[in-house]
Amino acid sequence: MTPMLERLRERFSADPGDLRSFSALEEQWFVAGSWDDLIWLCQRRLEAPGLAKDPKQRSGLLFKLGQIHAERRGDSEAAARCFRDALAASPEQRP
């Protein structure tokens, strides 16, 4: 991991509500195909206190996490859990 990515990861680990760090890490790890890192990132982001108050955003992130599990990891059980959680978080949002 580059020093820049390590600093971003440390910043994000300290504050999962840090959208700048989240976005930068998400882009880097998606392009690199670092699916385990991306799963960690999304799961950690779901722990952000502000996300609990925004069901639409939470649902979208859970859907994205489900896609990663299904399409990149081949884990249909984890994907199904994420999709169910996304629907439960915001039933009216249908990605």
N, C-alpha and C. Protein backbone atom coordinates (compact mmCIF):
# COMPACT_ATOMS: atom_id res chain seq x y z
N MET A 1 0.85 -1.18 0.00
CA MET A 1 0.00 0.00 0.00
C MET A 1 0.90 1.24 0.00
N THR A 2 0.54 2.19 -0.82
CA THR A 2 1.34 3.41 -0.90
C THR A 2 1.17 4.23 0.38
N PRO A 3 2.12 5.11 0.68
CA PRO A 3 1.99 5.95 1.87
C PRO A 3 0.72 6.81 1.85
N MET A 4 0.34 7.30 0.68
CA MET A 4 -0.87 8.10 0.58
C MET A 4 -2.10 7.27 0.94
N LEU A 5 -2.20 6.06 0.40
CA LEU A 5 -3.34 5.20 0.71
C LEU A 5 -3.35 4.80 2.19
N GLU A 6 -2.18 4.59 2.73
CA GLU A 6 -2.08 4.24 4.15
C GLU A 6 -2.59 5.40 5.02
N ARG A 7 -2.21 6.62 4.66
CA ARG A 7 -2.71 7.79 5.42
C ARG A 7 -4.23 7.93 5.30
N LEU A 8 -4.75 7.72 4.09
CA LEU A 8 -6.19 7.78 3.89
C LEU A 8 -6.90 6.71 4.71
N ARG A 9 -6.34 5.51 4.71
CA ARG A 9 -6.94 4.42 5.48
C ARG A 9 -6.92 4.74 6.97
N GLU A 10 -5.84 5.30 7.46
CA GLU A 10 -5.76 5.67 8.87
C GLU A 10 -6.79 6.75 9.21
N ARG A 11 -6.91 7.75 8.32
CA ARG A 11 -7.90 8.81 8.53
C ARG A 11 -9.31 8.24 8.56
N PHE A 12 -9.60 7.37 7.60
CA PHE A 12 -10.93 6.78 7.51
C PHE A 12 -11.20 5.86 8.69
N SER A 13 -10.20 5.10 9.11
CA SER A 13 -10.37 4.21 10.27
C SER A 13 -10.74 5.00 11.51
N ALA A 14 -10.14 6.17 11.65
CA ALA A 14 -10.42 7.02 12.81
C ALA A 14 -11.81 7.66 12.71
N ASP A 15 -12.27 7.89 11.49
CA ASP A 15 -13.56 8.56 11.29
C ASP A 15 -14.25 8.00 10.05
N PRO A 16 -15.12 6.97 10.20
CA PRO A 16 -15.81 6.40 9.05
C PRO A 16 -16.82 7.35 8.41
N GLY A 17 -16.99 8.53 8.99
CA GLY A 17 -17.84 9.55 8.39
C GLY A 17 -17.09 10.47 7.45
N ASP A 18 -15.78 10.26 7.32
CA ASP A 18 -14.94 11.09 6.46
C ASP A 18 -15.17 10.71 5.00
N LEU A 19 -16.02 11.47 4.33
CA LEU A 19 -16.39 11.15 2.94
C LEU A 19 -15.25 11.34 1.95
N ARG A 20 -14.37 12.28 2.22
CA ARG A 20 -13.24 12.49 1.31
C ARG A 20 -12.33 11.27 1.30
N SER A 21 -12.01 10.76 2.47
CA SER A 21 -11.17 9.56 2.55
C SER A 21 -11.90 8.36 1.95
N PHE A 22 -13.18 8.23 2.28
CA PHE A 22 -13.97 7.12 1.74
C PHE A 22 -13.95 7.13 0.22
N SER A 23 -14.25 8.26 -0.37
CA SER A 23 -14.32 8.36 -1.83
C SER A 23 -12.98 8.07 -2.49
N ALA A 24 -11.91 8.59 -1.92
CA ALA A 24 -10.58 8.37 -2.49
C ALA A 24 -10.19 6.90 -2.40
N LEU A 25 -10.42 6.28 -1.26
CA LEU A 25 -10.09 4.87 -1.11
C LEU A 25 -10.98 4.00 -2.00
N GLU A 26 -12.25 4.33 -2.05
CA GLU A 26 -13.18 3.56 -2.89
C GLU A 26 -12.72 3.55 -4.35
N GLU A 27 -12.38 4.70 -4.85
CA GLU A 27 -11.93 4.79 -6.25
C GLU A 27 -10.65 4.00 -6.48
N GLN A 28 -9.67 4.19 -5.61
CA GLN A 28 -8.38 3.51 -5.77
C GLN A 28 -8.55 1.99 -5.71
N TRP A 29 -9.30 1.52 -4.73
CA TRP A 29 -9.44 0.08 -4.55
C TRP A 29 -10.33 -0.55 -5.61
N PHE A 30 -11.31 0.19 -6.12
CA PHE A 30 -12.13 -0.34 -7.20
C PHE A 30 -11.28 -0.51 -8.46
N VAL A 31 -10.53 0.52 -8.80
CA VAL A 31 -9.69 0.47 -10.00
C VAL A 31 -8.65 -0.65 -9.89
N ALA A 32 -8.12 -0.83 -8.68
CA ALA A 32 -7.09 -1.86 -8.46
C ALA A 32 -7.69 -3.26 -8.32
N GLY A 33 -9.00 -3.34 -8.18
CA GLY A 33 -9.63 -4.65 -7.98
C GLY A 33 -9.36 -5.22 -6.60
N SER A 34 -9.17 -4.36 -5.64
CA SER A 34 -8.91 -4.78 -4.25
C SER A 34 -10.24 -4.98 -3.53
N TRP A 35 -10.90 -6.08 -3.86
CA TRP A 35 -12.27 -6.30 -3.39
C TRP A 35 -12.36 -6.47 -1.88
N ASP A 36 -11.39 -7.16 -1.27
CA ASP A 36 -11.43 -7.31 0.19
C ASP A 36 -11.30 -5.96 0.88
N ASP A 37 -10.43 -5.11 0.35
CA ASP A 37 -10.27 -3.77 0.92
C ASP A 37 -11.55 -2.96 0.73
N LEU A 38 -12.16 -3.11 -0.42
CA LEU A 38 -13.40 -2.37 -0.71
C LEU A 38 -14.55 -2.85 0.19
N ILE A 39 -14.62 -4.14 0.44
CA ILE A 39 -15.63 -4.67 1.36
C ILE A 39 -15.39 -4.11 2.76
N TRP A 40 -14.14 -4.13 3.21
CA TRP A 40 -13.81 -3.56 4.52
C TRP A 40 -14.25 -2.10 4.58
N LEU A 41 -13.95 -1.34 3.53
CA LEU A 41 -14.28 0.08 3.47
C LEU A 41 -15.79 0.30 3.61
N CYS A 42 -16.57 -0.44 2.84
CA CYS A 42 -18.03 -0.27 2.89
C CYS A 42 -18.59 -0.69 4.25
N GLN A 43 -18.09 -1.79 4.79
CA GLN A 43 -18.57 -2.24 6.10
C GLN A 43 -18.23 -1.21 7.18
N ARG A 44 -17.04 -0.66 7.10
CA ARG A 44 -16.64 0.36 8.08
C ARG A 44 -17.48 1.62 7.92
N ARG A 45 -17.77 2.01 6.68
CA ARG A 45 -18.58 3.20 6.41
C ARG A 45 -19.99 3.03 6.99
N LEU A 46 -20.50 1.81 6.94
CA LEU A 46 -21.83 1.54 7.50
C LEU A 46 -21.87 1.78 9.00
N GLU A 47 -20.72 1.82 9.65
CA GLU A 47 -20.64 2.07 11.09
C GLU A 47 -20.67 3.56 11.44
N ALA A 48 -20.59 4.41 10.44
CA ALA A 48 -20.58 5.86 10.68
C ALA A 48 -21.90 6.29 11.32
N PRO A 49 -21.84 7.04 12.42
CA PRO A 49 -23.07 7.45 13.10
C PRO A 49 -24.04 8.21 12.20
N GLY A 50 -23.54 9.05 11.33
CA GLY A 50 -24.41 9.84 10.46
C GLY A 50 -25.17 8.99 9.46
N LEU A 51 -24.63 7.85 9.10
CA LEU A 51 -25.27 6.99 8.11
C LEU A 51 -26.54 6.34 8.68
N ALA A 52 -26.58 6.14 9.98
CA ALA A 52 -27.77 5.56 10.61
C ALA A 52 -28.98 6.48 10.45
N LYS A 53 -28.73 7.77 10.29
CA LYS A 53 -29.80 8.76 10.15
C LYS A 53 -30.21 8.99 8.70
N ASP A 54 -29.54 8.30 7.78
CA ASP A 54 -29.82 8.50 6.35
C ASP A 54 -30.10 7.14 5.70
N PRO A 55 -31.34 6.65 5.81
CA PRO A 55 -31.63 5.32 5.30
C PRO A 55 -31.42 5.16 3.79
N LYS A 56 -31.63 6.22 3.04
CA LYS A 56 -31.43 6.14 1.59
C LYS A 56 -29.96 5.90 1.25
N GLN A 57 -29.09 6.65 1.90
CA GLN A 57 -27.66 6.49 1.66
C GLN A 57 -27.18 5.13 2.17
N ARG A 58 -27.68 4.71 3.33
CA ARG A 58 -27.33 3.41 3.90
C ARG A 58 -27.76 2.29 2.94
N SER A 59 -28.97 2.40 2.41
CA SER A 59 -29.47 1.41 1.48
C SER A 59 -28.61 1.33 0.22
N GLY A 60 -28.23 2.49 -0.30
CA GLY A 60 -27.38 2.52 -1.49
C GLY A 60 -26.02 1.87 -1.26
N LEU A 61 -25.45 2.10 -0.09
CA LEU A 61 -24.15 1.50 0.23
C LEU A 61 -24.29 -0.01 0.42
N LEU A 62 -25.37 -0.44 1.06
CA LEU A 62 -25.59 -1.88 1.22
C LEU A 62 -25.79 -2.56 -0.14
N PHE A 63 -26.49 -1.89 -1.04
CA PHE A 63 -26.67 -2.43 -2.38
C PHE A 63 -25.32 -2.56 -3.10
N LYS A 64 -24.50 -1.53 -2.99
CA LYS A 64 -23.17 -1.56 -3.60
C LYS A 64 -22.34 -2.71 -3.02
N LEU A 65 -22.41 -2.88 -1.71
CA LEU A 65 -21.69 -3.96 -1.05
C LEU A 65 -22.19 -5.31 -1.54
N GLY A 66 -23.50 -5.43 -1.71
CA GLY A 66 -24.07 -6.67 -2.26
C GLY A 66 -23.56 -6.96 -3.66
N GLN A 67 -23.45 -5.92 -4.47
CA GLN A 67 -22.92 -6.10 -5.83
C GLN A 67 -21.47 -6.59 -5.80
N ILE A 68 -20.69 -6.06 -4.92
CA ILE A 68 -19.29 -6.49 -4.81
C ILE A 68 -19.23 -7.96 -4.42
N HIS A 69 -20.02 -8.33 -3.43
CA HIS A 69 -20.04 -9.74 -3.01
C HIS A 69 -20.48 -10.65 -4.17
N ALA A 70 -21.53 -10.25 -4.88
CA ALA A 70 -22.08 -11.09 -5.95
C ALA A 70 -21.18 -11.13 -7.17
N GLU A 71 -20.79 -9.96 -7.66
CA GLU A 71 -20.10 -9.88 -8.95
C GLU A 71 -18.59 -10.06 -8.87
N ARG A 72 -18.00 -9.68 -7.76
CA ARG A 72 -16.53 -9.70 -7.67
C ARG A 72 -16.00 -10.82 -6.79
N ARG A 73 -16.80 -11.25 -5.81
CA ARG A 73 -16.35 -12.29 -4.88
C ARG A 73 -17.07 -13.62 -5.11
N GLY A 74 -18.19 -13.59 -5.81
CA GLY A 74 -18.95 -14.80 -6.05
C GLY A 74 -19.61 -15.36 -4.79
N ASP A 75 -19.88 -14.49 -3.84
CA ASP A 75 -20.47 -14.90 -2.56
C ASP A 75 -21.95 -14.51 -2.56
N SER A 76 -22.78 -15.43 -3.05
CA SER A 76 -24.21 -15.11 -3.19
C SER A 76 -24.91 -14.97 -1.85
N GLU A 77 -24.46 -15.69 -0.82
CA GLU A 77 -25.09 -15.58 0.49
C GLU A 77 -24.85 -14.19 1.10
N ALA A 78 -23.61 -13.72 1.05
CA ALA A 78 -23.31 -12.37 1.56
C ALA A 78 -24.04 -11.32 0.75
N ALA A 79 -24.10 -11.52 -0.56
CA ALA A 79 -24.81 -10.57 -1.42
C ALA A 79 -26.29 -10.52 -1.06
N ALA A 80 -26.91 -11.67 -0.87
CA ALA A 80 -28.33 -11.70 -0.52
C ALA A 80 -28.59 -10.99 0.81
N ARG A 81 -27.70 -11.19 1.79
CA ARG A 81 -27.86 -10.49 3.08
C ARG A 81 -27.81 -8.97 2.87
N CYS A 82 -26.85 -8.52 2.08
CA CYS A 82 -26.72 -7.08 1.83
C CYS A 82 -27.94 -6.53 1.11
N PHE A 83 -28.44 -7.26 0.11
CA PHE A 83 -29.61 -6.79 -0.62
C PHE A 83 -30.85 -6.74 0.28
N ARG A 84 -31.02 -7.75 1.15
CA ARG A 84 -32.14 -7.73 2.10
C ARG A 84 -32.01 -6.55 3.06
N ASP A 85 -30.79 -6.32 3.56
CA ASP A 85 -30.56 -5.20 4.47
C ASP A 85 -30.81 -3.86 3.77
N ALA A 86 -30.43 -3.77 2.50
CA ALA A 86 -30.65 -2.54 1.73
C ALA A 86 -32.14 -2.27 1.60
N LEU A 87 -32.90 -3.30 1.32
CA LEU A 87 -34.34 -3.15 1.17
C LEU A 87 -34.98 -2.79 2.51
N ALA A 88 -34.50 -3.40 3.59
CA ALA A 88 -35.04 -3.10 4.92
C ALA A 88 -34.73 -1.66 5.33
N ALA A 89 -33.55 -1.17 4.94
CA ALA A 89 -33.14 0.19 5.32
C ALA A 89 -33.99 1.25 4.63
N SER A 90 -34.36 0.99 3.39
CA SER A 90 -35.13 1.97 2.63
C SER A 90 -35.95 1.25 1.56
N PRO A 91 -37.14 0.74 1.96
CA PRO A 91 -37.96 -0.06 1.04
C PRO A 91 -38.37 0.67 -0.25
N GLU A 92 -38.49 1.99 -0.17
CA GLU A 92 -38.92 2.73 -1.36
C GLU A 92 -37.80 2.95 -2.38
N GLN A 93 -36.56 2.77 -1.96
CA GLN A 93 -35.45 2.96 -2.89
C GLN A 93 -35.15 1.65 -3.60
N ARG A 94 -35.24 1.69 -4.89
CA ARG A 94 -34.99 0.47 -5.69
C ARG A 94 -33.91 0.77 -6.72
N PRO A 95 -32.65 0.43 -6.38
CA PRO A 95 -31.55 0.70 -7.34
C PRO A 95 -31.70 -0.12 -8.61
